[in-house]
């Protein structure tokens, strides 16, 4: 593995000599390709999902309309096409980009399985850990076994975190896009241009999906969509050596999960009592049950749009904090 890392390092030196403007230009093109691929595929995907009865009730609407599920397949498809362009354009980055793509695809498969048969929390954690194992091939040579094990563990944890703060129109894709913007800016500031292809590709796919997922949603991401957001953040954290910034970007999700675990421990989703909607169209948190970031916001009834906007603003705050840290943090050697 040491020799492999040294070969990658040599390739990256050649890659850096190509010029940062070229790298950023191609990264932006990867993002645009991912955007238009997802944007164009979503209408047909939505129709196919509805035709196959892969739908769920939007319980936060008075009429309880049926909405297509598993729309995250469109995010995954657009991201993959964007990454292919990066892999083709920069052979020097082929290995780390391919490993990242493999991890995201495997996590996406776990998400599809979860959407179809509803895995238990334990099963999902184990499968996501296994999906994150390829990431160890980009570990620096000087690290120990604990660091290597931490890589797939982080993929599993981050994927679950972005999967837990969900359920409202546009909340997952919007928060994920904010995280990608922050990571992209932070990596550019810190000179880690090689991972900008990853963040731009996921950002483009998420923004296109958000067009269909915003209020009122025509499609839900499903676990296939929410899990890959966290997996991308974890992958960029280790490949780009921006672990602290990635942690800051994930703070809204960490706060949400901390509230849930503190109040209810590990609770399966089918045991959750959902928020309700009043006759005035405003959401109301149930008087009992677990706590969460959304329920904290809903201490007084509020429209779904406003709840999502507040969560996005929280994400923007921590995203901006991550960007600010990029100016002062030393380069992470591992």
Protein backbone atom coordinates (compact mmCIF):
# COMPACT_ATOMS: atom_id res chain seq x y z
CA UNK A 1 0.00 0.00 0.00
CA UNK A 2 2.98 2.34 0.71
CA UNK A 3 4.23 2.01 -2.85
CA UNK A 4 0.71 2.64 -4.12
CA UNK A 5 0.49 5.85 -2.09
CA UNK A 6 3.86 7.06 -3.38
CA UNK A 7 2.75 6.39 -6.96
CA UNK A 8 -0.41 8.42 -6.32
CA UNK A 9 1.65 11.22 -4.79
CA UNK A 10 3.87 11.29 -7.87
CA UNK A 11 0.83 11.40 -10.11
CA UNK A 12 -0.59 14.29 -8.10
CA UNK A 13 2.63 16.28 -8.56
CA UNK A 14 2.22 15.92 -12.31
CA UNK A 15 -1.45 16.74 -11.91
CA UNK A 16 -0.71 19.97 -10.01
CA UNK A 17 1.64 21.10 -12.75
CA UNK A 18 -1.31 21.26 -15.14
CA UNK A 19 -2.47 24.52 -13.57
CA UNK A 20 -5.12 25.24 -11.02
CA UNK A 21 -7.30 27.17 -13.43
CA UNK A 22 -7.55 24.10 -15.68
CA UNK A 23 -8.42 21.88 -12.72
CA UNK A 24 -11.17 24.22 -11.54
CA UNK A 25 -12.53 24.65 -15.04
CA UNK A 26 -12.82 20.90 -15.56
CA UNK A 27 -14.30 20.48 -12.05
CA UNK A 28 -16.95 23.08 -12.88
CA UNK A 29 -17.69 21.28 -16.17
CA UNK A 30 -18.07 18.01 -14.24
CA UNK A 31 -20.57 19.78 -12.01
CA UNK A 32 -22.48 21.13 -14.99
CA UNK A 33 -22.55 17.71 -16.65
CA UNK A 34 -23.84 16.17 -13.41
CA UNK A 35 -26.46 18.93 -13.14
CA UNK A 36 -27.86 18.54 -16.65
CA UNK A 37 -27.73 14.74 -16.51
CA UNK A 38 -29.76 14.65 -13.29
CA UNK A 39 -32.06 17.45 -14.46
CA UNK A 40 -32.88 15.70 -17.73
CA UNK A 41 -33.27 12.21 -16.30
CA UNK A 42 -35.53 13.15 -13.37
CA UNK A 43 -38.87 13.64 -15.25
CA UNK A 44 -38.64 10.20 -16.85
CA UNK A 45 -37.42 8.64 -13.61
CA UNK A 46 -40.33 10.17 -11.70
CA UNK A 47 -42.80 8.77 -14.26
CA UNK A 48 -41.18 5.33 -14.08
CA UNK A 49 -41.25 5.31 -10.26
CA UNK A 50 -44.89 6.37 -10.21
CA UNK A 51 -45.76 3.75 -12.81
CA UNK A 52 -44.07 1.07 -10.69
CA UNK A 53 -45.96 2.33 -7.62
CA UNK A 54 -42.69 3.29 -5.90
CA UNK A 55 -44.41 6.14 -4.10
CA UNK A 56 -45.00 7.45 -0.60
CA UNK A 57 -47.45 9.80 1.03
CA UNK A 58 -46.34 13.36 1.62
CA UNK A 59 -47.71 13.43 5.16
CA UNK A 60 -46.87 17.09 5.60
CA UNK A 61 -49.55 18.17 3.15
CA UNK A 62 -53.24 18.39 3.98
CA UNK A 63 -54.18 16.38 0.86
CA UNK A 64 -51.50 13.71 1.58
CA UNK A 65 -50.47 13.38 -2.12
CA UNK A 66 -48.54 10.35 -3.36
CA UNK A 67 -44.99 11.29 -4.37
CA UNK A 68 -42.37 9.22 -6.20
CA UNK A 69 -39.75 7.67 -3.90
CA UNK A 70 -36.12 6.65 -4.49
CA UNK A 71 -35.46 9.73 -6.61
CA UNK A 72 -31.89 9.70 -5.30
CA UNK A 73 -31.17 7.29 -8.16
CA UNK A 74 -31.14 10.42 -10.35
CA UNK A 75 -28.57 12.07 -8.05
CA UNK A 76 -26.41 8.96 -8.19
CA UNK A 77 -26.65 8.78 -11.99
CA UNK A 78 -25.74 12.43 -12.52
CA UNK A 79 -22.87 12.22 -10.03
CA UNK A 80 -21.50 9.12 -11.77
CA UNK A 81 -21.53 10.78 -15.19
CA UNK A 82 -19.81 13.87 -13.78
CA UNK A 83 -17.15 11.71 -12.13
CA UNK A 84 -16.55 9.80 -15.36
CA UNK A 85 -15.64 13.07 -17.02
CA UNK A 86 -13.14 13.84 -14.25
CA UNK A 87 -11.64 10.35 -14.41
CA UNK A 88 -11.27 10.58 -18.20
CA UNK A 89 -9.80 14.10 -18.13
CA UNK A 90 -7.25 13.56 -15.36
CA UNK A 91 -5.60 10.12 -15.50
CA UNK A 92 -3.37 11.21 -12.59
CA UNK A 93 -6.44 11.28 -10.36
CA UNK A 94 -7.98 8.16 -11.79
CA UNK A 95 -7.31 5.97 -8.75
CA UNK A 96 -8.70 8.23 -6.00
CA UNK A 97 -11.67 9.31 -8.11
CA UNK A 98 -12.52 5.71 -8.98
CA UNK A 99 -12.28 4.67 -5.33
CA UNK A 100 -14.59 7.55 -4.34
CA UNK A 101 -17.07 6.64 -7.06
CA UNK A 102 -17.00 2.98 -5.97
CA UNK A 103 -17.75 3.95 -2.36
CA UNK A 104 -20.65 6.21 -3.37
CA UNK A 105 -22.11 3.56 -5.69
CA UNK A 106 -21.90 0.91 -2.97
CA UNK A 107 -23.54 3.24 -0.45
CA UNK A 108 -26.22 4.00 -3.03
CA UNK A 109 -26.91 0.27 -3.41
CA UNK A 110 -27.29 -0.03 0.37
CA UNK A 111 -29.74 2.87 0.19
CA UNK A 112 -31.77 1.17 -2.54
CA UNK A 113 -31.97 -2.03 -0.49
CA UNK A 114 -33.05 -0.02 2.56
CA UNK A 115 -35.72 1.76 0.55
CA UNK A 116 -37.10 -1.54 -0.71
CA UNK A 117 -36.98 -3.80 2.37
CA UNK A 118 -36.24 -1.38 5.26
CA UNK A 119 -33.06 -2.55 6.95
CA UNK A 120 -32.64 -2.38 10.70
CA UNK A 121 -30.28 0.24 12.12
CA UNK A 122 -27.68 -2.44 12.88
CA UNK A 123 -27.88 -3.97 9.40
CA UNK A 124 -27.54 -0.59 7.75
CA UNK A 125 -24.52 0.40 9.86
CA UNK A 126 -22.73 -2.85 8.99
CA UNK A 127 -23.51 -2.65 5.27
CA UNK A 128 -22.42 1.00 5.11
CA UNK A 129 -19.18 0.09 6.89
CA UNK A 130 -18.53 -2.57 4.24
CA UNK A 131 -19.39 -0.06 1.49
CA UNK A 132 -16.77 2.32 2.91
CA UNK A 133 -13.95 -0.26 2.96
CA UNK A 134 -12.52 0.67 -0.50
CA UNK A 135 -11.61 4.06 0.98
CA UNK A 136 -8.73 2.46 2.90
CA UNK A 137 -6.83 2.17 -0.39
CA UNK A 138 -6.26 5.94 -0.38
CA UNK A 139 -4.99 6.00 3.22
CA UNK A 140 -1.54 7.61 3.70
CA UNK A 141 1.26 5.09 4.32
CA UNK A 142 2.26 6.45 7.75
CA UNK A 143 -1.08 5.91 9.48
CA UNK A 144 -1.93 3.04 11.81
CA UNK A 145 -4.67 0.45 11.80
CA UNK A 146 -6.99 2.62 13.91
CA UNK A 147 -6.93 5.38 11.30
CA UNK A 148 -7.60 2.87 8.53
CA UNK A 149 -10.57 1.38 10.39
CA UNK A 150 -11.86 4.89 11.10
CA UNK A 151 -12.28 5.55 7.36
CA UNK A 152 -15.15 3.09 6.66
CA UNK A 153 -16.60 3.81 10.11
CA UNK A 154 -16.79 7.49 9.17
CA UNK A 155 -18.55 6.64 5.91
CA UNK A 156 -21.13 4.63 7.86
CA UNK A 157 -21.67 7.33 10.49
CA UNK A 158 -21.76 10.29 8.08
CA UNK A 159 -24.20 8.48 5.77
CA UNK A 160 -26.54 7.80 8.68
CA UNK A 161 -26.28 11.40 9.86
CA UNK A 162 -27.44 12.82 6.52
CA UNK A 163 -30.16 10.17 6.39
CA UNK A 164 -31.59 11.08 9.80
CA UNK A 165 -32.20 14.81 9.21
CA UNK A 166 -34.86 14.28 6.57
CA UNK A 167 -38.56 14.13 5.82
CA UNK A 168 -39.44 17.63 4.60
CA UNK A 169 -39.54 18.88 1.01
CA UNK A 170 -36.05 19.89 -0.08
CA UNK A 171 -34.40 19.60 3.32
CA UNK A 172 -31.92 16.82 2.49
CA UNK A 173 -30.92 17.92 -1.01
CA UNK A 174 -30.73 21.59 0.01
CA UNK A 175 -28.63 20.90 3.10
CA UNK A 176 -26.43 18.57 1.06
CA UNK A 177 -25.90 21.25 -1.60
CA UNK A 178 -24.92 23.75 1.10
CA UNK A 179 -22.41 21.25 2.49
CA UNK A 180 -20.90 20.69 -0.97
CA UNK A 181 -20.58 24.43 -1.58
CA UNK A 182 -18.76 24.81 1.74
CA UNK A 183 -16.45 21.86 1.08
CA UNK A 184 -15.72 23.05 -2.46
CA UNK A 185 -14.82 26.57 -1.31
CA UNK A 186 -12.77 25.24 1.62
CA UNK A 187 -10.78 22.83 -0.53
CA UNK A 188 -10.05 25.56 -3.09
CA UNK A 189 -8.91 27.95 -0.34
CA UNK A 190 -6.60 25.26 1.09
CA UNK A 191 -5.23 24.35 -2.34
CA UNK A 192 -6.79 20.87 -2.39
CA UNK A 193 -7.97 21.13 -5.96
CA UNK A 194 -7.96 17.41 -6.67
CA UNK A 195 -11.14 16.80 -4.64
CA UNK A 196 -13.03 19.68 -6.27
CA UNK A 197 -14.11 17.25 -9.01
CA UNK A 198 -15.92 15.16 -6.38
CA UNK A 199 -17.62 18.09 -4.66
CA UNK A 200 -18.60 19.84 -7.90
CA UNK A 201 -20.08 16.63 -9.34
CA UNK A 202 -22.20 15.98 -6.25
CA UNK A 203 -23.17 19.66 -6.00
CA UNK A 204 -24.39 19.72 -9.61
CA UNK A 205 -26.47 16.57 -9.15
CA UNK A 206 -27.98 17.83 -5.87
CA UNK A 207 -28.93 21.23 -7.28
CA UNK A 208 -30.68 19.61 -10.23
CA UNK A 209 -32.52 17.22 -7.94
CA UNK A 210 -33.52 20.08 -5.65
CA UNK A 211 -35.50 21.59 -8.54
CA UNK A 212 -37.86 18.59 -8.37
CA UNK A 213 -37.55 18.02 -4.63
CA UNK A 214 -38.31 21.56 -3.47
CA UNK A 215 -41.72 22.41 -2.03
CA UNK A 216 -44.09 21.02 -3.20
CA UNK A 217 -41.99 17.95 -3.94
CA UNK A 218 -42.51 15.92 -7.07
CA UNK A 219 -40.05 13.31 -5.80
CA UNK A 220 -38.38 12.19 -2.57
CA UNK A 221 -34.69 11.19 -2.48
CA UNK A 222 -35.17 8.02 -0.45
CA UNK A 223 -32.26 6.52 1.45
CA UNK A 224 -30.42 6.05 -1.83
CA UNK A 225 -30.27 9.86 -2.06
CA UNK A 226 -29.67 10.81 1.56
CA UNK A 227 -26.99 8.22 2.35
CA UNK A 228 -24.72 9.15 -0.56
CA UNK A 229 -24.55 12.77 0.64
CA UNK A 230 -22.91 11.74 3.90
CA UNK A 231 -20.69 9.22 2.14
CA UNK A 232 -19.42 11.96 -0.18
CA UNK A 233 -18.66 14.26 2.76
CA UNK A 234 -16.73 11.47 4.53
CA UNK A 235 -14.80 10.56 1.37
CA UNK A 236 -13.80 14.19 0.73
CA UNK A 237 -12.83 14.56 4.40
CA UNK A 238 -10.19 11.84 4.10
CA UNK A 239 -9.07 12.21 0.48
CA UNK A 240 -8.90 16.01 0.72
CA UNK A 241 -7.52 15.98 4.30
CA UNK A 242 -10.28 18.34 5.49
CA UNK A 243 -11.69 16.26 8.34
CA UNK A 244 -12.26 19.17 10.76
CA UNK A 245 -14.10 21.22 8.14
CA UNK A 246 -16.21 18.21 7.16
CA UNK A 247 -17.12 17.76 10.82
CA UNK A 248 -18.17 21.41 11.08
CA UNK A 249 -20.28 21.12 7.91
CA UNK A 250 -22.04 18.10 9.43
CA UNK A 251 -22.88 19.87 12.70
CA UNK A 252 -26.59 20.39 11.86
CA UNK A 253 -26.87 16.64 11.35
CA UNK A 254 -24.81 15.93 14.47
CA UNK A 255 -27.04 18.20 16.56
CA UNK A 256 -30.15 16.50 15.18
CA UNK A 257 -28.82 13.00 15.90
CA UNK A 258 -27.61 14.00 19.38
CA UNK A 259 -31.10 15.25 20.26
CA UNK A 260 -32.64 12.01 19.01
CA UNK A 261 -30.21 9.70 20.78
CA UNK A 262 -30.37 11.70 24.03
CA UNK A 263 -34.18 11.63 24.08
CA UNK A 264 -34.94 8.19 22.65
CA UNK A 265 -31.79 6.19 21.98
CA UNK A 266 -31.72 4.14 18.79
CA UNK A 267 -35.33 4.03 17.56
CA UNK A 268 -36.43 2.34 14.34
CA UNK A 269 -38.16 4.67 11.89
CA UNK A 270 -41.47 2.81 11.91
CA UNK A 271 -41.71 3.52 15.65
CA UNK A 272 -41.41 7.27 15.11
CA UNK A 273 -44.48 9.44 15.52
CA UNK A 274 -44.35 11.95 12.67
CA UNK A 275 -45.08 15.63 12.86
CA UNK A 276 -48.66 16.50 12.00
CA UNK A 277 -50.22 19.22 9.90
CA UNK A 278 -53.03 21.47 11.10
CA UNK A 279 -55.98 22.72 9.12
CA UNK A 280 -54.10 25.99 8.60
CA UNK A 281 -51.33 24.08 6.80
CA UNK A 282 -48.76 24.58 9.54
CA UNK A 283 -46.69 21.71 10.92
CA UNK A 284 -46.95 20.73 14.57
CA UNK A 285 -44.58 18.54 16.58
CA UNK A 286 -46.32 15.82 18.65
CA UNK A 287 -46.38 16.63 22.40
CA UNK A 288 -44.45 13.46 23.23
CA UNK A 289 -41.77 11.31 21.66
CA UNK A 290 -38.18 11.88 20.64
CA UNK A 291 -36.57 15.27 20.20
CA UNK A 292 -34.92 16.45 16.98
CA UNK A 293 -33.69 19.61 15.30
CA UNK A 294 -36.93 19.87 13.32
CA UNK A 295 -39.06 19.40 16.44
CA UNK A 296 -36.96 21.99 18.26
CA UNK A 297 -37.76 24.45 15.46
CA UNK A 298 -41.42 23.41 15.69
CA UNK A 299 -41.81 24.53 19.29
CA UNK A 300 -44.50 26.64 17.72
CA UNK A 301 -46.47 25.64 14.59
CA UNK A 302 -44.84 26.69 11.35
CA UNK A 303 -45.19 26.11 7.62
CA UNK A 304 -43.05 23.41 6.06
CA UNK A 305 -41.30 25.94 3.85
CA UNK A 306 -40.22 28.02 6.87
CA UNK A 307 -38.94 24.98 8.76
CA UNK A 308 -36.81 23.94 5.79
CA UNK A 309 -35.56 27.52 5.36
CA UNK A 310 -34.46 27.65 9.01
CA UNK A 311 -32.61 24.34 8.68
CA UNK A 312 -30.93 25.62 5.51
CA UNK A 313 -29.89 28.81 7.35
CA UNK A 314 -28.37 26.69 10.12
CA UNK A 315 -26.52 24.74 7.45
CA UNK A 316 -25.34 27.98 5.81
CA UNK A 317 -24.03 29.22 9.19
CA UNK A 318 -21.93 26.10 9.78
CA UNK A 319 -20.93 25.98 6.10
CA UNK A 320 -19.66 29.56 6.36
CA UNK A 321 -17.83 28.62 9.56
CA UNK A 322 -16.15 25.77 7.70
CA UNK A 323 -15.05 28.16 4.94
CA UNK A 324 -13.69 30.60 7.54
CA UNK A 325 -11.71 27.79 9.16
CA UNK A 326 -10.14 26.99 5.79
CA UNK A 327 -8.30 30.34 5.96
CA UNK A 328 -6.72 29.62 9.35
CA UNK A 329 -6.34 25.86 9.70
CA UNK A 330 -2.97 24.32 8.85
CA UNK A 331 -2.91 21.72 6.11
CA UNK A 332 -3.96 18.34 7.48
CA UNK A 333 -1.02 15.96 6.84
CA UNK A 334 -3.23 12.87 7.08
